[in-house]
């Protein structure tokens, strides 16, 4: 069973930064897509950013220029660097891993942006 463990969520002031991490319990060398989704209270889960094993990235329009997704294959870990956070970024952030026709989700990590 593949497990995804997220970390890095926190309370941060508007304009601040956070880095989320997602560690996968297996090698992520080839043939995968990983990413981050988020779900705010009362809203549907939405895509934030994706990265493929080939290094292609994609971002939701509302985070372009502020968020950066990256990976460390040696550590089986994907990161989400979030800058210029605003209250609208408050949500539970979920890690996503897809490979070989299977999809996996983490338990989520809470990000709260508030003064």
N, C-alpha and C. Protein backbone atom coordinates (compact mmCIF):
# COMPACT_ATOMS: atom_id res chain seq x y z
N UNK A 1 0.84 -1.18 0.00
CA UNK A 1 0.00 0.00 0.00
C UNK A 1 0.89 1.24 0.00
N UNK A 2 0.63 2.13 -0.95
CA UNK A 2 1.39 3.37 -1.03
C UNK A 2 0.84 4.36 -0.02
N UNK A 3 1.71 5.00 0.70
CA UNK A 3 1.32 6.03 1.66
C UNK A 3 1.97 7.35 1.31
N UNK A 4 1.21 8.41 1.49
CA UNK A 4 1.69 9.77 1.29
C UNK A 4 1.60 10.50 2.61
N UNK A 5 2.68 11.10 3.03
CA UNK A 5 2.70 11.81 4.30
C UNK A 5 3.05 13.27 4.03
N UNK A 6 2.09 14.14 4.31
CA UNK A 6 2.29 15.57 4.11
C UNK A 6 2.76 16.23 5.40
N UNK A 7 3.45 17.32 5.24
CA UNK A 7 3.86 18.13 6.38
C UNK A 7 4.09 19.56 5.92
N UNK A 8 4.17 20.46 6.88
CA UNK A 8 4.50 21.85 6.56
C UNK A 8 3.35 22.83 6.71
N UNK A 9 2.13 22.34 6.88
CA UNK A 9 1.02 23.25 7.07
C UNK A 9 1.15 24.01 8.38
N UNK A 10 0.64 25.24 8.37
CA UNK A 10 0.81 26.08 9.57
C UNK A 10 -0.09 27.30 9.46
N UNK A 11 -0.10 28.09 10.51
CA UNK A 11 -0.75 29.39 10.52
C UNK A 11 0.30 30.42 10.11
N UNK A 12 -0.02 31.23 9.12
CA UNK A 12 0.93 32.22 8.63
C UNK A 12 0.19 33.53 8.36
N UNK A 13 0.89 34.62 8.50
CA UNK A 13 0.27 35.92 8.24
C UNK A 13 0.20 36.20 6.74
N UNK A 14 -0.74 37.03 6.33
CA UNK A 14 -0.80 37.42 4.91
C UNK A 14 0.54 37.97 4.43
N UNK A 15 0.92 37.54 3.24
CA UNK A 15 2.22 37.92 2.69
C UNK A 15 3.33 36.97 3.04
N UNK A 16 3.05 36.03 3.92
CA UNK A 16 4.07 35.10 4.36
C UNK A 16 4.27 33.93 3.40
N UNK A 17 5.15 33.02 3.80
CA UNK A 17 5.51 31.87 2.97
C UNK A 17 5.47 30.58 3.78
N UNK A 18 5.25 29.50 3.08
CA UNK A 18 5.32 28.16 3.66
C UNK A 18 5.84 27.20 2.60
N UNK A 19 6.42 26.10 3.07
CA UNK A 19 6.78 25.02 2.16
C UNK A 19 6.14 23.74 2.66
N UNK A 20 5.32 23.15 1.81
CA UNK A 20 4.71 21.86 2.11
C UNK A 20 5.58 20.74 1.53
N UNK A 21 5.58 19.62 2.23
CA UNK A 21 6.31 18.45 1.77
C UNK A 21 5.37 17.26 1.70
N UNK A 22 5.63 16.38 0.75
CA UNK A 22 4.86 15.14 0.62
C UNK A 22 5.83 14.01 0.35
N UNK A 23 5.95 13.12 1.31
CA UNK A 23 6.86 11.98 1.18
C UNK A 23 6.06 10.74 0.78
N UNK A 24 6.53 10.05 -0.25
CA UNK A 24 5.87 8.85 -0.75
C UNK A 24 6.62 7.62 -0.26
N UNK A 25 5.86 6.59 0.08
CA UNK A 25 6.47 5.40 0.68
C UNK A 25 7.02 4.42 -0.34
N UNK A 26 7.33 4.92 -1.53
CA UNK A 26 7.93 4.08 -2.56
C UNK A 26 8.72 4.97 -3.51
N UNK A 27 9.52 4.36 -4.35
CA UNK A 27 10.32 5.12 -5.30
C UNK A 27 9.42 5.85 -6.29
N UNK A 28 9.79 7.09 -6.59
CA UNK A 28 9.01 7.88 -7.55
C UNK A 28 9.84 8.24 -8.76
N UNK A 29 10.71 7.34 -9.16
CA UNK A 29 11.65 7.66 -10.22
C UNK A 29 10.99 7.91 -11.57
N UNK A 30 10.05 7.05 -11.96
CA UNK A 30 9.52 7.13 -13.32
C UNK A 30 8.01 6.99 -13.37
N UNK A 31 7.45 7.53 -14.45
CA UNK A 31 6.06 7.27 -14.78
C UNK A 31 5.04 7.70 -13.76
N UNK A 32 5.13 8.94 -13.29
CA UNK A 32 4.17 9.39 -12.30
C UNK A 32 3.77 10.84 -12.55
N UNK A 33 2.68 11.18 -11.93
CA UNK A 33 2.28 12.57 -11.77
C UNK A 33 2.00 12.81 -10.31
N UNK A 34 2.57 13.84 -9.77
CA UNK A 34 2.31 14.20 -8.38
C UNK A 34 1.85 15.64 -8.33
N UNK A 35 1.13 15.94 -7.28
CA UNK A 35 0.67 17.31 -7.19
C UNK A 35 0.02 17.63 -5.87
N UNK A 36 -0.51 18.82 -5.84
CA UNK A 36 -1.20 19.32 -4.65
C UNK A 36 -2.57 19.84 -5.07
N UNK A 37 -3.55 19.46 -4.28
CA UNK A 37 -4.90 19.99 -4.38
C UNK A 37 -5.21 20.66 -3.04
N UNK A 38 -6.25 21.47 -3.04
CA UNK A 38 -6.66 22.06 -1.78
C UNK A 38 -8.18 22.13 -1.71
N UNK A 39 -8.65 22.16 -0.48
CA UNK A 39 -10.10 22.25 -0.26
C UNK A 39 -10.35 23.21 0.89
N UNK A 40 -11.04 24.29 0.56
CA UNK A 40 -11.43 25.26 1.57
C UNK A 40 -12.81 24.90 2.11
N UNK A 41 -13.15 25.36 3.30
CA UNK A 41 -14.46 25.04 3.87
C UNK A 41 -15.60 25.44 2.94
N UNK A 42 -16.50 24.50 2.69
CA UNK A 42 -17.65 24.79 1.85
C UNK A 42 -17.37 24.81 0.36
N UNK A 43 -16.15 24.46 -0.03
CA UNK A 43 -15.79 24.49 -1.45
C UNK A 43 -15.31 23.13 -1.91
N UNK A 44 -15.30 22.94 -3.23
CA UNK A 44 -14.82 21.69 -3.79
C UNK A 44 -13.29 21.66 -3.78
N UNK A 45 -12.76 20.45 -3.79
CA UNK A 45 -11.32 20.30 -3.89
C UNK A 45 -10.87 20.79 -5.26
N UNK A 46 -9.79 21.54 -5.29
CA UNK A 46 -9.31 22.10 -6.54
C UNK A 46 -7.82 21.88 -6.72
N UNK A 47 -7.41 21.81 -7.97
CA UNK A 47 -6.01 21.64 -8.29
C UNK A 47 -5.22 22.89 -7.93
N UNK A 48 -4.04 22.68 -7.37
CA UNK A 48 -3.11 23.79 -7.11
C UNK A 48 -1.93 23.70 -8.07
N UNK A 49 -1.25 22.54 -8.09
CA UNK A 49 -0.08 22.39 -8.95
C UNK A 49 0.21 20.91 -9.17
N UNK A 50 0.80 20.61 -10.34
CA UNK A 50 1.18 19.25 -10.68
C UNK A 50 2.59 19.22 -11.21
N UNK A 51 3.26 18.08 -11.06
CA UNK A 51 4.56 17.86 -11.67
C UNK A 51 4.62 16.42 -12.14
N UNK A 52 5.16 16.21 -13.33
CA UNK A 52 5.28 14.86 -13.86
C UNK A 52 6.70 14.34 -13.65
N UNK A 53 6.86 13.03 -13.86
CA UNK A 53 8.19 12.44 -13.74
C UNK A 53 9.15 13.03 -14.76
N UNK A 54 8.59 13.59 -15.85
CA UNK A 54 9.41 14.23 -16.86
C UNK A 54 9.74 15.67 -16.54
N UNK A 55 9.23 16.16 -15.42
CA UNK A 55 9.56 17.51 -14.99
C UNK A 55 8.62 18.59 -15.48
N UNK A 56 7.55 18.19 -16.15
CA UNK A 56 6.56 19.17 -16.61
C UNK A 56 5.70 19.61 -15.44
N UNK A 57 5.49 20.91 -15.32
CA UNK A 57 4.69 21.44 -14.23
C UNK A 57 3.47 22.18 -14.77
N UNK A 58 2.46 22.26 -13.93
CA UNK A 58 1.24 22.98 -14.28
C UNK A 58 0.69 23.58 -13.01
N UNK A 59 0.14 24.78 -13.12
CA UNK A 59 -0.37 25.50 -11.96
C UNK A 59 -1.77 26.05 -12.23
N UNK A 60 -2.54 26.12 -11.17
CA UNK A 60 -3.81 26.85 -11.25
C UNK A 60 -3.50 28.33 -11.45
N UNK A 61 -4.38 29.01 -12.19
CA UNK A 61 -4.12 30.42 -12.50
C UNK A 61 -3.93 31.27 -11.25
N UNK A 62 -4.67 30.98 -10.20
CA UNK A 62 -4.64 31.84 -9.02
C UNK A 62 -3.40 31.64 -8.16
N UNK A 63 -2.52 30.70 -8.53
CA UNK A 63 -1.28 30.55 -7.77
C UNK A 63 -0.04 30.76 -8.63
N UNK A 64 -0.22 30.94 -9.93
CA UNK A 64 0.92 31.14 -10.81
C UNK A 64 1.72 32.37 -10.38
N UNK A 65 3.02 32.20 -10.33
CA UNK A 65 3.90 33.28 -9.92
C UNK A 65 4.11 33.36 -8.42
N UNK A 66 3.28 32.64 -7.65
CA UNK A 66 3.41 32.65 -6.18
C UNK A 66 3.84 31.29 -5.64
N UNK A 67 3.37 30.22 -6.26
CA UNK A 67 3.66 28.87 -5.78
C UNK A 67 4.61 28.18 -6.75
N UNK A 68 5.46 27.31 -6.20
CA UNK A 68 6.38 26.53 -7.01
C UNK A 68 6.38 25.08 -6.54
N UNK A 69 6.14 24.17 -7.47
CA UNK A 69 6.19 22.75 -7.14
C UNK A 69 7.53 22.19 -7.58
N UNK A 70 8.10 21.32 -6.77
CA UNK A 70 9.39 20.72 -7.10
C UNK A 70 9.45 19.32 -6.51
N UNK A 71 10.49 18.60 -6.84
CA UNK A 71 10.58 17.23 -6.36
C UNK A 71 12.03 16.88 -6.07
N UNK A 72 12.20 15.87 -5.23
CA UNK A 72 13.51 15.29 -4.95
C UNK A 72 13.32 13.78 -5.08
N UNK A 73 13.69 13.24 -6.23
CA UNK A 73 13.47 11.81 -6.47
C UNK A 73 14.24 10.95 -5.48
N UNK A 74 15.40 11.40 -5.07
CA UNK A 74 16.21 10.61 -4.14
C UNK A 74 15.51 10.45 -2.79
N UNK A 75 14.68 11.44 -2.44
CA UNK A 75 13.96 11.41 -1.16
C UNK A 75 12.50 11.01 -1.34
N UNK A 76 12.10 10.71 -2.58
CA UNK A 76 10.70 10.35 -2.87
C UNK A 76 9.74 11.41 -2.33
N UNK A 77 10.10 12.65 -2.54
CA UNK A 77 9.37 13.76 -1.92
C UNK A 77 9.07 14.85 -2.95
N UNK A 78 7.88 15.40 -2.84
CA UNK A 78 7.47 16.55 -3.64
C UNK A 78 7.19 17.70 -2.70
N UNK A 79 7.54 18.89 -3.15
CA UNK A 79 7.39 20.08 -2.33
C UNK A 79 6.48 21.09 -3.01
N UNK A 80 5.89 21.95 -2.20
CA UNK A 80 5.14 23.08 -2.72
C UNK A 80 5.58 24.30 -1.94
N UNK A 81 6.30 25.17 -2.62
CA UNK A 81 6.71 26.41 -2.01
C UNK A 81 5.63 27.45 -2.30
N UNK A 82 5.13 28.06 -1.24
CA UNK A 82 4.04 29.03 -1.36
C UNK A 82 4.50 30.37 -0.83
N UNK A 83 4.52 31.36 -1.70
CA UNK A 83 4.89 32.72 -1.33
C UNK A 83 3.69 33.66 -1.47
N UNK A 84 3.81 34.82 -0.87
CA UNK A 84 2.77 35.85 -0.96
C UNK A 84 1.39 35.28 -0.64
N UNK A 85 1.33 34.55 0.44
CA UNK A 85 0.07 33.91 0.81
C UNK A 85 -0.98 34.95 1.20
N UNK A 86 -2.21 34.67 0.87
CA UNK A 86 -3.32 35.53 1.25
C UNK A 86 -4.42 34.69 1.88
N UNK A 87 -5.37 35.32 2.55
CA UNK A 87 -6.41 34.55 3.25
C UNK A 87 -7.17 33.58 2.34
N UNK A 88 -7.26 33.88 1.06
CA UNK A 88 -7.96 32.99 0.13
C UNK A 88 -7.21 31.67 -0.10
N UNK A 89 -5.97 31.62 0.34
CA UNK A 89 -5.19 30.38 0.24
C UNK A 89 -5.45 29.44 1.42
N UNK A 90 -6.23 29.87 2.38
CA UNK A 90 -6.55 29.03 3.53
C UNK A 90 -7.34 27.81 3.08
N UNK A 91 -6.83 26.64 3.42
CA UNK A 91 -7.46 25.39 2.99
C UNK A 91 -6.68 24.22 3.58
N UNK A 92 -7.26 23.04 3.43
CA UNK A 92 -6.51 21.81 3.66
C UNK A 92 -5.86 21.44 2.33
N UNK A 93 -4.57 21.23 2.35
CA UNK A 93 -3.82 20.91 1.16
C UNK A 93 -3.53 19.41 1.14
N UNK A 94 -3.87 18.78 0.01
CA UNK A 94 -3.74 17.34 -0.14
C UNK A 94 -2.70 17.01 -1.20
N UNK A 95 -1.85 16.07 -0.89
CA UNK A 95 -0.88 15.56 -1.84
C UNK A 95 -1.52 14.47 -2.69
N UNK A 96 -1.15 14.42 -3.95
CA UNK A 96 -1.73 13.49 -4.92
C UNK A 96 -0.60 12.81 -5.67
N UNK A 97 -0.75 11.49 -5.88
CA UNK A 97 0.27 10.71 -6.57
C UNK A 97 -0.44 9.72 -7.48
N UNK A 98 -0.14 9.77 -8.76
CA UNK A 98 -0.75 8.88 -9.73
C UNK A 98 0.33 8.14 -10.50
N UNK A 99 0.19 6.83 -10.56
CA UNK A 99 1.15 6.04 -11.31
C UNK A 99 0.52 4.70 -11.67
N UNK A 100 0.82 4.20 -12.86
CA UNK A 100 0.34 2.89 -13.27
C UNK A 100 -1.16 2.71 -13.18
N UNK A 101 -1.92 3.76 -13.43
CA UNK A 101 -3.36 3.66 -13.38
C UNK A 101 -3.97 3.76 -11.99
N UNK A 102 -3.16 3.95 -10.99
CA UNK A 102 -3.65 4.07 -9.61
C UNK A 102 -3.44 5.49 -9.09
N UNK A 103 -4.36 5.93 -8.25
CA UNK A 103 -4.27 7.26 -7.65
C UNK A 103 -4.21 7.14 -6.13
N UNK A 104 -3.40 7.98 -5.52
CA UNK A 104 -3.25 7.96 -4.08
C UNK A 104 -3.33 9.39 -3.54
N UNK A 105 -3.88 9.49 -2.32
CA UNK A 105 -4.03 10.79 -1.67
C UNK A 105 -3.45 10.75 -0.27
N UNK A 106 -2.91 11.88 0.12
CA UNK A 106 -2.49 12.03 1.51
C UNK A 106 -3.66 12.44 2.38
N UNK A 107 -3.40 12.56 3.68
CA UNK A 107 -4.45 12.89 4.64
C UNK A 107 -4.73 14.39 4.69
N UNK A 108 -3.84 15.19 4.16
CA UNK A 108 -4.04 16.63 4.15
C UNK A 108 -3.29 17.34 5.25
N UNK A 109 -2.92 18.57 4.96
CA UNK A 109 -2.25 19.42 5.95
C UNK A 109 -2.90 20.80 5.88
N UNK A 110 -3.20 21.36 7.04
CA UNK A 110 -3.96 22.61 7.11
C UNK A 110 -3.03 23.81 6.93
N UNK A 111 -3.42 24.68 6.02
CA UNK A 111 -2.75 25.97 5.84
C UNK A 111 -3.77 27.06 6.17
N UNK A 112 -3.43 27.90 7.12
CA UNK A 112 -4.30 29.00 7.50
C UNK A 112 -3.54 30.31 7.36
N UNK A 113 -4.10 31.22 6.58
CA UNK A 113 -3.49 32.53 6.37
C UNK A 113 -4.37 33.57 7.04
N UNK A 114 -3.84 34.14 8.10
CA UNK A 114 -4.63 35.07 8.89
C UNK A 114 -3.72 35.96 9.70
N UNK A 115 -4.17 37.19 9.91
CA UNK A 115 -3.42 38.11 10.77
C UNK A 115 -3.93 38.03 12.20
